[in-house]
Amino acid sequence: MKNTRKKGNIFASKTVKIKMKNLLILSLALLSLASCKSKKSAESAENLPKDIALKPENNLSQQNDRDELSKKIKEITLIIAAEPCIDPTEWKFTAIGAKPCGGPSSYIAYPAKLESEILPKIQNFTAMQSAFNKKYNLMSDCAMVMPPSGIKCENGKTVLLTENNGATEAQ
């Protein structure tokens, strides 16, 4: 029995081998050059992130916005503090502020007779704080603040009650 199978290479000739080798080398060289070029453009100063400390206008803007929020909450607390708490049934509470994760940052008691004056101010403050949180990408603990279970009066001030420990904070 004769073996009629011919021994040979995949490529028909040496010139095809050389051409394929050259094509492979050229492809690798182009790929290397292309990746080097993209690194240089990424390292240019304009493309790198800016240090937040070098942006005083952003810090100033944030501080101005924070000051505006402080003025609003002081205005609300001054209106509420002007009314002494004698009978807790004459008081109500509502959510105030906005946590970055969502939900109120706390609850506040207010005199029921001032509801039409105070609630729009509280809602405005809450909307401003929510916008502030989004504008500056703030984060928080995302803990849910539970509403109080009631109100009591102590020494002319309101105290919000919780189901767990009785009292939270005086207004």
N, C-alpha and C. Protein backbone atom coordinates (compact mmCIF):
# COMPACT_ATOMS: atom_id res chain seq x y z
N MET A 1 0.81 -1.16 0.00
CA MET A 1 0.00 0.00 0.00
C MET A 1 0.86 1.24 0.00
N LYS A 2 0.56 2.07 -0.95
CA LYS A 2 1.31 3.31 -1.07
C LYS A 2 0.52 4.45 -0.42
N ASN A 3 1.25 5.28 0.24
CA ASN A 3 0.63 6.47 0.82
C ASN A 3 0.59 7.54 -0.25
N THR A 4 -0.62 7.87 -0.72
CA THR A 4 -0.76 8.86 -1.79
C THR A 4 -0.97 10.27 -1.24
N ARG A 5 -1.06 10.35 0.00
CA ARG A 5 -1.27 11.66 0.61
C ARG A 5 0.01 12.46 0.55
N LYS A 6 -0.13 13.73 0.13
CA LYS A 6 1.06 14.58 0.01
C LYS A 6 1.29 15.33 1.31
N LYS A 7 2.53 15.41 1.66
CA LYS A 7 2.89 16.22 2.81
C LYS A 7 3.04 17.65 2.32
N GLY A 8 2.56 18.59 3.11
CA GLY A 8 2.68 19.98 2.69
C GLY A 8 2.22 20.93 3.78
N ASN A 9 2.33 22.18 3.48
CA ASN A 9 1.94 23.24 4.41
C ASN A 9 0.54 23.73 4.10
N ILE A 10 0.03 24.48 5.00
CA ILE A 10 -1.28 25.08 4.79
C ILE A 10 -1.20 26.08 3.65
N PHE A 11 -0.12 26.81 3.59
CA PHE A 11 0.04 27.84 2.56
C PHE A 11 0.67 27.22 1.32
N ALA A 12 0.27 27.68 0.20
CA ALA A 12 0.75 27.11 -1.06
C ALA A 12 2.20 27.47 -1.33
N SER A 13 2.63 28.62 -0.88
CA SER A 13 4.01 28.99 -1.20
C SER A 13 4.62 29.82 -0.09
N LYS A 14 5.92 30.02 -0.17
CA LYS A 14 6.63 30.81 0.83
C LYS A 14 6.25 32.28 0.75
N THR A 15 5.90 32.76 -0.41
CA THR A 15 5.53 34.18 -0.55
C THR A 15 4.24 34.49 0.19
N VAL A 16 3.34 33.55 0.21
CA VAL A 16 2.09 33.76 0.96
C VAL A 16 2.40 33.83 2.45
N LYS A 17 3.33 32.98 2.94
CA LYS A 17 3.74 33.00 4.33
C LYS A 17 4.33 34.35 4.70
N ILE A 18 5.16 34.86 3.86
CA ILE A 18 5.82 36.15 4.11
C ILE A 18 4.79 37.27 4.13
N LYS A 19 3.87 37.25 3.18
CA LYS A 19 2.83 38.28 3.13
C LYS A 19 1.97 38.24 4.40
N MET A 20 1.60 37.08 4.87
CA MET A 20 0.78 36.95 6.07
C MET A 20 1.53 37.45 7.31
N LYS A 21 2.84 37.13 7.38
CA LYS A 21 3.66 37.59 8.49
C LYS A 21 3.73 39.10 8.50
N ASN A 22 3.96 39.69 7.32
CA ASN A 22 4.05 41.15 7.21
C ASN A 22 2.72 41.81 7.57
N LEU A 23 1.63 41.21 7.16
CA LEU A 23 0.30 41.74 7.47
C LEU A 23 0.05 41.71 8.98
N LEU A 24 0.46 40.63 9.64
CA LEU A 24 0.31 40.51 11.08
C LEU A 24 1.14 41.57 11.80
N ILE A 25 2.38 41.75 11.39
CA ILE A 25 3.26 42.74 12.01
C ILE A 25 2.70 44.15 11.82
N LEU A 26 2.23 44.44 10.62
CA LEU A 26 1.66 45.75 10.33
C LEU A 26 0.40 46.00 11.18
N SER A 27 -0.43 45.00 11.34
CA SER A 27 -1.66 45.14 12.14
C SER A 27 -1.32 45.42 13.60
N LEU A 28 -0.35 44.69 14.16
CA LEU A 28 0.05 44.91 15.55
C LEU A 28 0.66 46.29 15.74
N ALA A 29 1.45 46.75 14.77
CA ALA A 29 2.05 48.08 14.86
C ALA A 29 0.98 49.16 14.86
N LEU A 30 -0.01 49.04 13.98
CA LEU A 30 -1.10 50.03 13.92
C LEU A 30 -1.92 50.03 15.21
N LEU A 31 -2.18 48.86 15.74
CA LEU A 31 -2.93 48.76 16.99
C LEU A 31 -2.17 49.43 18.14
N SER A 32 -0.87 49.21 18.20
CA SER A 32 -0.04 49.83 19.24
C SER A 32 -0.04 51.34 19.11
N LEU A 33 0.11 51.84 17.90
CA LEU A 33 0.12 53.29 17.69
C LEU A 33 -1.23 53.90 18.05
N ALA A 34 -2.29 53.25 17.71
CA ALA A 34 -3.63 53.77 18.01
C ALA A 34 -3.85 53.85 19.51
N SER A 35 -3.40 52.85 20.26
CA SER A 35 -3.60 52.88 21.71
C SER A 35 -2.72 53.93 22.36
N CYS A 36 -1.52 54.17 21.86
CA CYS A 36 -0.65 55.22 22.39
C CYS A 36 -1.28 56.59 22.17
N LYS A 37 -1.87 56.79 21.03
CA LYS A 37 -2.48 58.08 20.72
C LYS A 37 -3.64 58.35 21.67
N SER A 38 -4.45 57.36 21.99
CA SER A 38 -5.60 57.58 22.87
C SER A 38 -5.14 57.88 24.30
N LYS A 39 -4.02 57.31 24.75
CA LYS A 39 -3.51 57.61 26.08
C LYS A 39 -3.07 59.06 26.17
N LYS A 40 -2.41 59.58 25.16
CA LYS A 40 -1.94 60.95 25.19
C LYS A 40 -3.10 61.93 25.28
N SER A 41 -4.18 61.68 24.56
CA SER A 41 -5.30 62.62 24.61
C SER A 41 -6.00 62.55 25.96
N ALA A 42 -6.00 61.40 26.61
CA ALA A 42 -6.63 61.28 27.92
C ALA A 42 -5.81 61.96 29.00
N GLU A 43 -4.49 62.08 28.79
CA GLU A 43 -3.63 62.67 29.79
C GLU A 43 -3.51 64.18 29.67
N SER A 44 -4.07 64.78 28.66
CA SER A 44 -3.97 66.23 28.54
C SER A 44 -4.73 66.89 29.68
N ALA A 45 -4.27 68.03 30.11
CA ALA A 45 -4.82 68.70 31.28
C ALA A 45 -6.31 69.02 31.15
N GLU A 46 -6.77 69.29 29.95
CA GLU A 46 -8.18 69.65 29.78
C GLU A 46 -9.11 68.46 30.03
N ASN A 47 -8.61 67.25 29.82
CA ASN A 47 -9.46 66.07 29.95
C ASN A 47 -9.47 65.46 31.34
N LEU A 48 -8.54 65.87 32.20
CA LEU A 48 -8.48 65.30 33.54
C LEU A 48 -9.53 65.95 34.44
N PRO A 49 -10.02 65.23 35.45
CA PRO A 49 -11.00 65.83 36.37
C PRO A 49 -10.36 66.97 37.15
N LYS A 50 -11.14 67.97 37.43
CA LYS A 50 -10.65 69.13 38.16
C LYS A 50 -10.77 68.87 39.67
N ASP A 51 -9.80 69.38 40.41
CA ASP A 51 -9.84 69.29 41.86
C ASP A 51 -10.94 70.22 42.37
N ILE A 52 -11.80 69.72 43.23
CA ILE A 52 -12.93 70.50 43.73
C ILE A 52 -12.44 71.73 44.49
N ALA A 53 -11.27 71.64 45.12
CA ALA A 53 -10.74 72.78 45.86
C ALA A 53 -10.37 73.93 44.93
N LEU A 54 -10.13 73.63 43.67
CA LEU A 54 -9.79 74.67 42.71
C LEU A 54 -11.02 75.34 42.12
N LYS A 55 -12.18 74.96 42.59
CA LYS A 55 -13.43 75.54 42.09
C LYS A 55 -14.10 76.34 43.21
N PRO A 56 -13.54 77.48 43.57
CA PRO A 56 -14.12 78.24 44.68
C PRO A 56 -15.53 78.74 44.38
N GLU A 57 -15.85 78.97 43.09
CA GLU A 57 -17.19 79.45 42.76
C GLU A 57 -18.25 78.40 43.11
N ASN A 58 -17.89 77.12 42.99
CA ASN A 58 -18.84 76.06 43.35
C ASN A 58 -19.04 76.03 44.86
N ASN A 59 -17.95 76.13 45.62
CA ASN A 59 -18.04 76.13 47.07
C ASN A 59 -18.79 77.36 47.56
N LEU A 60 -18.56 78.50 46.93
CA LEU A 60 -19.25 79.73 47.30
C LEU A 60 -20.74 79.61 47.01
N SER A 61 -21.06 79.05 45.87
CA SER A 61 -22.46 78.86 45.50
C SER A 61 -23.15 77.92 46.49
N GLN A 62 -22.49 76.85 46.86
CA GLN A 62 -23.07 75.90 47.82
C GLN A 62 -23.26 76.57 49.17
N GLN A 63 -22.29 77.37 49.60
CA GLN A 63 -22.42 78.06 50.88
C GLN A 63 -23.56 79.07 50.85
N ASN A 64 -23.71 79.79 49.73
CA ASN A 64 -24.82 80.74 49.60
C ASN A 64 -26.16 80.02 49.67
N ASP A 65 -26.25 78.88 48.99
CA ASP A 65 -27.49 78.10 49.03
C ASP A 65 -27.77 77.58 50.44
N ARG A 66 -26.71 77.15 51.14
CA ARG A 66 -26.87 76.65 52.51
C ARG A 66 -27.33 77.79 53.43
N ASP A 67 -26.77 78.99 53.23
CA ASP A 67 -27.18 80.14 54.03
C ASP A 67 -28.65 80.48 53.80
N GLU A 68 -29.08 80.36 52.56
CA GLU A 68 -30.49 80.62 52.22
C GLU A 68 -31.41 79.61 52.93
N LEU A 69 -31.00 78.35 52.96
CA LEU A 69 -31.77 77.33 53.68
C LEU A 69 -31.82 77.65 55.18
N SER A 70 -30.70 78.10 55.74
CA SER A 70 -30.65 78.45 57.16
C SER A 70 -31.61 79.60 57.47
N LYS A 71 -31.66 80.59 56.58
CA LYS A 71 -32.58 81.72 56.79
C LYS A 71 -34.02 81.24 56.80
N LYS A 72 -34.35 80.33 55.88
CA LYS A 72 -35.73 79.83 55.79
C LYS A 72 -36.13 79.06 57.04
N ILE A 73 -35.25 78.20 57.53
CA ILE A 73 -35.60 77.41 58.72
C ILE A 73 -35.67 78.30 59.95
N LYS A 74 -34.82 79.33 60.04
CA LYS A 74 -34.88 80.26 61.17
C LYS A 74 -36.20 81.02 61.16
N GLU A 75 -36.63 81.43 59.97
CA GLU A 75 -37.91 82.14 59.84
C GLU A 75 -39.05 81.26 60.34
N ILE A 76 -39.03 80.00 59.96
CA ILE A 76 -40.08 79.06 60.38
C ILE A 76 -40.06 78.87 61.90
N THR A 77 -38.88 78.64 62.46
CA THR A 77 -38.79 78.38 63.90
C THR A 77 -39.13 79.62 64.72
N LEU A 78 -38.82 80.81 64.21
CA LEU A 78 -39.19 82.04 64.93
C LEU A 78 -40.70 82.22 64.99
N ILE A 79 -41.38 81.93 63.90
CA ILE A 79 -42.85 82.04 63.88
C ILE A 79 -43.45 81.05 64.87
N ILE A 80 -42.93 79.83 64.89
CA ILE A 80 -43.45 78.80 65.79
C ILE A 80 -43.12 79.14 67.24
N ALA A 81 -41.90 79.61 67.51
CA ALA A 81 -41.46 79.91 68.87
C ALA A 81 -42.25 81.06 69.50
N ALA A 82 -42.84 81.90 68.68
CA ALA A 82 -43.62 83.03 69.20
C ALA A 82 -44.91 82.57 69.88
N GLU A 83 -45.33 81.35 69.62
CA GLU A 83 -46.55 80.80 70.21
C GLU A 83 -46.19 79.81 71.32
N PRO A 84 -46.57 80.12 72.57
CA PRO A 84 -46.29 79.15 73.64
C PRO A 84 -47.22 77.94 73.54
N CYS A 85 -46.70 76.81 73.92
CA CYS A 85 -47.49 75.58 73.91
C CYS A 85 -48.12 75.39 75.30
N ILE A 86 -49.44 75.51 75.31
CA ILE A 86 -50.18 75.32 76.56
C ILE A 86 -51.05 74.07 76.46
N ASP A 87 -51.73 73.93 75.34
CA ASP A 87 -52.62 72.80 75.10
C ASP A 87 -52.14 72.05 73.85
N PRO A 88 -51.66 70.82 73.99
CA PRO A 88 -51.13 70.09 72.83
C PRO A 88 -52.17 69.81 71.74
N THR A 89 -53.45 69.87 72.08
CA THR A 89 -54.49 69.64 71.06
C THR A 89 -54.58 70.80 70.08
N GLU A 90 -53.98 71.93 70.43
CA GLU A 90 -53.97 73.10 69.54
C GLU A 90 -52.75 73.11 68.63
N TRP A 91 -52.01 72.03 68.63
CA TRP A 91 -50.79 71.92 67.83
C TRP A 91 -50.88 70.73 66.89
N LYS A 92 -50.18 70.85 65.77
CA LYS A 92 -50.07 69.76 64.80
C LYS A 92 -48.59 69.57 64.48
N PHE A 93 -48.27 68.51 63.77
CA PHE A 93 -46.89 68.33 63.30
C PHE A 93 -46.92 67.94 61.84
N THR A 94 -45.79 68.20 61.18
CA THR A 94 -45.63 67.86 59.77
C THR A 94 -44.17 67.55 59.48
N ALA A 95 -43.96 66.87 58.38
CA ALA A 95 -42.59 66.58 57.93
C ALA A 95 -41.95 67.87 57.44
N ILE A 96 -40.65 67.99 57.64
CA ILE A 96 -39.92 69.16 57.17
C ILE A 96 -38.56 68.71 56.66
N GLY A 97 -38.10 69.35 55.61
CA GLY A 97 -36.79 69.03 55.04
C GLY A 97 -36.85 67.80 54.16
N ALA A 98 -35.74 67.54 53.49
CA ALA A 98 -35.66 66.39 52.59
C ALA A 98 -34.28 65.76 52.70
N LYS A 99 -34.25 64.47 52.95
CA LYS A 99 -32.98 63.74 52.97
C LYS A 99 -32.57 63.45 51.53
N PRO A 100 -31.28 63.39 51.25
CA PRO A 100 -30.83 63.09 49.88
C PRO A 100 -31.38 61.78 49.32
N CYS A 101 -31.59 60.79 50.19
CA CYS A 101 -32.13 59.50 49.73
C CYS A 101 -33.64 59.54 49.55
N GLY A 102 -34.27 60.59 50.03
CA GLY A 102 -35.72 60.70 49.98
C GLY A 102 -36.30 60.68 51.37
N GLY A 103 -37.49 61.18 51.49
CA GLY A 103 -38.16 61.24 52.79
C GLY A 103 -37.78 62.49 53.55
N PRO A 104 -38.52 62.78 54.61
CA PRO A 104 -38.26 64.00 55.40
C PRO A 104 -37.00 63.86 56.24
N SER A 105 -36.38 65.01 56.53
CA SER A 105 -35.20 64.97 57.40
C SER A 105 -35.62 64.99 58.86
N SER A 106 -36.81 65.53 59.16
CA SER A 106 -37.33 65.52 60.52
C SER A 106 -38.81 65.91 60.50
N TYR A 107 -39.35 66.10 61.70
CA TYR A 107 -40.74 66.56 61.85
C TYR A 107 -40.73 67.78 62.74
N ILE A 108 -41.72 68.64 62.54
CA ILE A 108 -41.79 69.88 63.30
C ILE A 108 -43.24 70.11 63.74
N ALA A 109 -43.38 70.59 64.98
CA ALA A 109 -44.71 70.92 65.50
C ALA A 109 -44.99 72.40 65.23
N TYR A 110 -46.26 72.71 64.98
CA TYR A 110 -46.65 74.09 64.71
C TYR A 110 -48.06 74.32 65.26
N PRO A 111 -48.38 75.58 65.60
CA PRO A 111 -49.72 75.88 66.10
C PRO A 111 -50.76 75.71 64.99
N ALA A 112 -51.85 75.03 65.30
CA ALA A 112 -52.89 74.78 64.30
C ALA A 112 -53.47 76.08 63.76
N LYS A 113 -53.53 77.12 64.60
CA LYS A 113 -54.11 78.39 64.15
C LYS A 113 -53.23 79.10 63.12
N LEU A 114 -51.94 78.71 63.01
CA LEU A 114 -51.03 79.32 62.02
C LEU A 114 -50.79 78.41 60.81
N GLU A 115 -51.61 77.38 60.68
CA GLU A 115 -51.39 76.38 59.63
C GLU A 115 -51.31 77.00 58.23
N SER A 116 -52.22 77.91 57.91
CA SER A 116 -52.23 78.50 56.56
C SER A 116 -51.00 79.36 56.30
N GLU A 117 -50.39 79.88 57.34
CA GLU A 117 -49.17 80.70 57.19
C GLU A 117 -47.91 79.84 57.17
N ILE A 118 -47.87 78.84 58.05
CA ILE A 118 -46.63 78.10 58.25
C ILE A 118 -46.43 76.95 57.26
N LEU A 119 -47.49 76.25 56.86
CA LEU A 119 -47.32 75.10 55.96
C LEU A 119 -46.70 75.47 54.61
N PRO A 120 -47.10 76.57 53.96
CA PRO A 120 -46.42 76.93 52.70
C PRO A 120 -44.93 77.20 52.89
N LYS A 121 -44.56 77.78 54.03
CA LYS A 121 -43.14 78.04 54.31
C LYS A 121 -42.38 76.72 54.50
N ILE A 122 -43.01 75.77 55.19
CA ILE A 122 -42.39 74.46 55.41
C ILE A 122 -42.25 73.72 54.08
N GLN A 123 -43.28 73.76 53.26
CA GLN A 123 -43.23 73.10 51.95
C GLN A 123 -42.17 73.74 51.05
N ASN A 124 -42.05 75.06 51.11
CA ASN A 124 -41.03 75.76 50.33
C ASN A 124 -39.64 75.35 50.79
N PHE A 125 -39.43 75.31 52.11
CA PHE A 125 -38.13 74.90 52.65
C PHE A 125 -37.79 73.48 52.22
N THR A 126 -38.76 72.58 52.31
CA THR A 126 -38.55 71.18 51.93
C THR A 126 -38.17 71.07 50.46
N ALA A 127 -38.86 71.80 49.60
CA ALA A 127 -38.54 71.78 48.16
C ALA A 127 -37.15 72.35 47.91
N MET A 128 -36.79 73.42 48.62
CA MET A 128 -35.45 74.01 48.46
C MET A 128 -34.36 73.04 48.91
N GLN A 129 -34.60 72.34 50.02
CA GLN A 129 -33.60 71.39 50.51
C GLN A 129 -33.46 70.21 49.56
N SER A 130 -34.54 69.76 49.00
CA SER A 130 -34.50 68.67 48.03
C SER A 130 -33.69 69.09 46.79
N ALA A 131 -33.94 70.30 46.30
CA ALA A 131 -33.19 70.81 45.14
C ALA A 131 -31.71 70.98 45.48
N PHE A 132 -31.41 71.43 46.70
CA PHE A 132 -30.03 71.59 47.17
C PHE A 132 -29.32 70.23 47.17
N ASN A 133 -29.99 69.21 47.68
CA ASN A 133 -29.40 67.86 47.73
C ASN A 133 -29.07 67.35 46.34
N LYS A 134 -29.98 67.57 45.40
CA LYS A 134 -29.76 67.11 44.02
C LYS A 134 -28.68 67.92 43.33
N LYS A 135 -28.70 69.23 43.52
CA LYS A 135 -27.73 70.12 42.86
C LYS A 135 -26.30 69.76 43.24
N TYR A 136 -26.08 69.44 44.51
CA TYR A 136 -24.72 69.18 44.99
C TYR A 136 -24.45 67.68 45.20
N ASN A 137 -25.32 66.82 44.69
CA ASN A 137 -25.14 65.36 44.76
C ASN A 137 -24.82 64.89 46.18
N LEU A 138 -25.59 65.35 47.15
CA LEU A 138 -25.35 64.97 48.54
C LEU A 138 -25.84 63.56 48.81
N MET A 139 -25.29 62.97 49.86
CA MET A 139 -25.67 61.62 50.28
C MET A 139 -25.98 61.67 51.77
N SER A 140 -26.75 60.69 52.24
CA SER A 140 -27.04 60.61 53.66
C SER A 140 -27.11 59.14 54.08
N ASP A 141 -27.49 58.94 55.33
CA ASP A 141 -27.55 57.58 55.86
C ASP A 141 -28.77 56.80 55.35
N CYS A 142 -29.71 57.47 54.72
CA CYS A 142 -30.91 56.85 54.15
C CYS A 142 -31.80 56.19 55.20
N ALA A 143 -31.56 56.50 56.47
CA ALA A 143 -32.43 55.98 57.53
C ALA A 143 -33.78 56.69 57.45
N MET A 144 -34.83 55.92 57.61
CA MET A 144 -36.17 56.48 57.54
C MET A 144 -36.52 57.17 58.85
N VAL A 145 -36.95 58.42 58.78
CA VAL A 145 -37.36 59.16 59.97
C VAL A 145 -38.85 58.92 60.17
N MET A 146 -39.18 58.29 61.27
CA MET A 146 -40.58 57.94 61.54
C MET A 146 -41.32 59.15 62.10
N PRO A 147 -42.60 59.28 61.75
CA PRO A 147 -43.38 60.40 62.28
C PRO A 147 -43.62 60.23 63.78
N PRO A 148 -43.76 61.34 64.49
CA PRO A 148 -44.02 61.24 65.92
C PRO A 148 -45.42 60.66 66.18
N SER A 149 -45.59 60.15 67.39
CA SER A 149 -46.90 59.58 67.75
C SER A 149 -47.81 60.62 68.37
N GLY A 150 -47.25 61.75 68.75
CA GLY A 150 -48.06 62.80 69.35
C GLY A 150 -47.23 63.99 69.77
N ILE A 151 -47.90 64.92 70.45
CA ILE A 151 -47.26 66.16 70.92
C ILE A 151 -47.63 66.35 72.38
N LYS A 152 -46.68 66.84 73.17
CA LYS A 152 -47.00 67.28 74.53
C LYS A 152 -46.34 68.64 74.76
N CYS A 153 -46.83 69.35 75.74
CA CYS A 153 -46.28 70.67 76.08
C CYS A 153 -45.47 70.55 77.37
N GLU A 154 -44.26 71.10 77.34
CA GLU A 154 -43.40 71.15 78.53
C GLU A 154 -42.78 72.53 78.61
N ASN A 155 -43.07 73.22 79.70
CA ASN A 155 -42.52 74.56 79.93
C ASN A 155 -42.78 75.50 78.75
N GLY A 156 -43.96 75.42 78.18
CA GLY A 156 -44.34 76.32 77.08
C GLY A 156 -43.79 75.94 75.72
N LYS A 157 -43.09 74.82 75.65
CA LYS A 157 -42.52 74.37 74.37
C LYS A 157 -43.13 73.02 73.98
N THR A 158 -43.16 72.77 72.67
CA THR A 158 -43.69 71.49 72.20
C THR A 158 -42.62 70.42 72.27
N VAL A 159 -43.06 69.22 72.55
CA VAL A 159 -42.18 68.05 72.54
C VAL A 159 -42.88 67.00 71.68
N LEU A 160 -42.19 66.54 70.64
CA LEU A 160 -42.74 65.50 69.77
C LEU A 160 -42.49 64.14 70.43
N LEU A 161 -43.53 63.33 70.49
CA LEU A 161 -43.44 62.02 71.13
C LEU A 161 -43.23 60.93 70.09
N THR A 162 -42.45 59.93 70.48
CA THR A 162 -42.27 58.75 69.64
C THR A 162 -42.80 57.55 70.40
N GLU A 163 -43.10 56.49 69.68
CA GLU A 163 -43.64 55.29 70.32
C GLU A 163 -42.57 54.56 71.13
N ASN A 164 -41.31 54.70 70.76
CA ASN A 164 -40.23 53.95 71.42
C ASN A 164 -39.85 54.53 72.77
N ASN A 165 -39.50 55.82 72.79
CA ASN A 165 -38.91 56.35 74.01
C ASN A 165 -39.66 57.53 74.62
N GLY A 166 -40.83 57.85 74.14
CA GLY A 166 -41.59 58.93 74.74
C GLY A 166 -41.40 60.26 74.06
N ALA A 167 -40.23 60.88 74.20
CA ALA A 167 -40.04 62.23 73.65
C ALA A 167 -38.84 62.27 72.72
N THR A 168 -38.91 63.13 71.74
CA THR A 168 -37.77 63.32 70.85
C THR A 168 -37.09 64.64 71.15
N GLU A 169 -37.64 65.74 70.67
CA GLU A 169 -36.97 67.02 70.88
C GLU A 169 -37.99 68.13 71.07
N ALA A 170 -37.61 69.11 71.84
CA ALA A 170 -38.47 70.27 72.05
C ALA A 170 -38.32 71.24 70.90
N GLN A 171 -39.41 71.92 70.56
CA GLN A 171 -39.37 72.93 69.50
C GLN A 171 -39.06 74.28 70.10
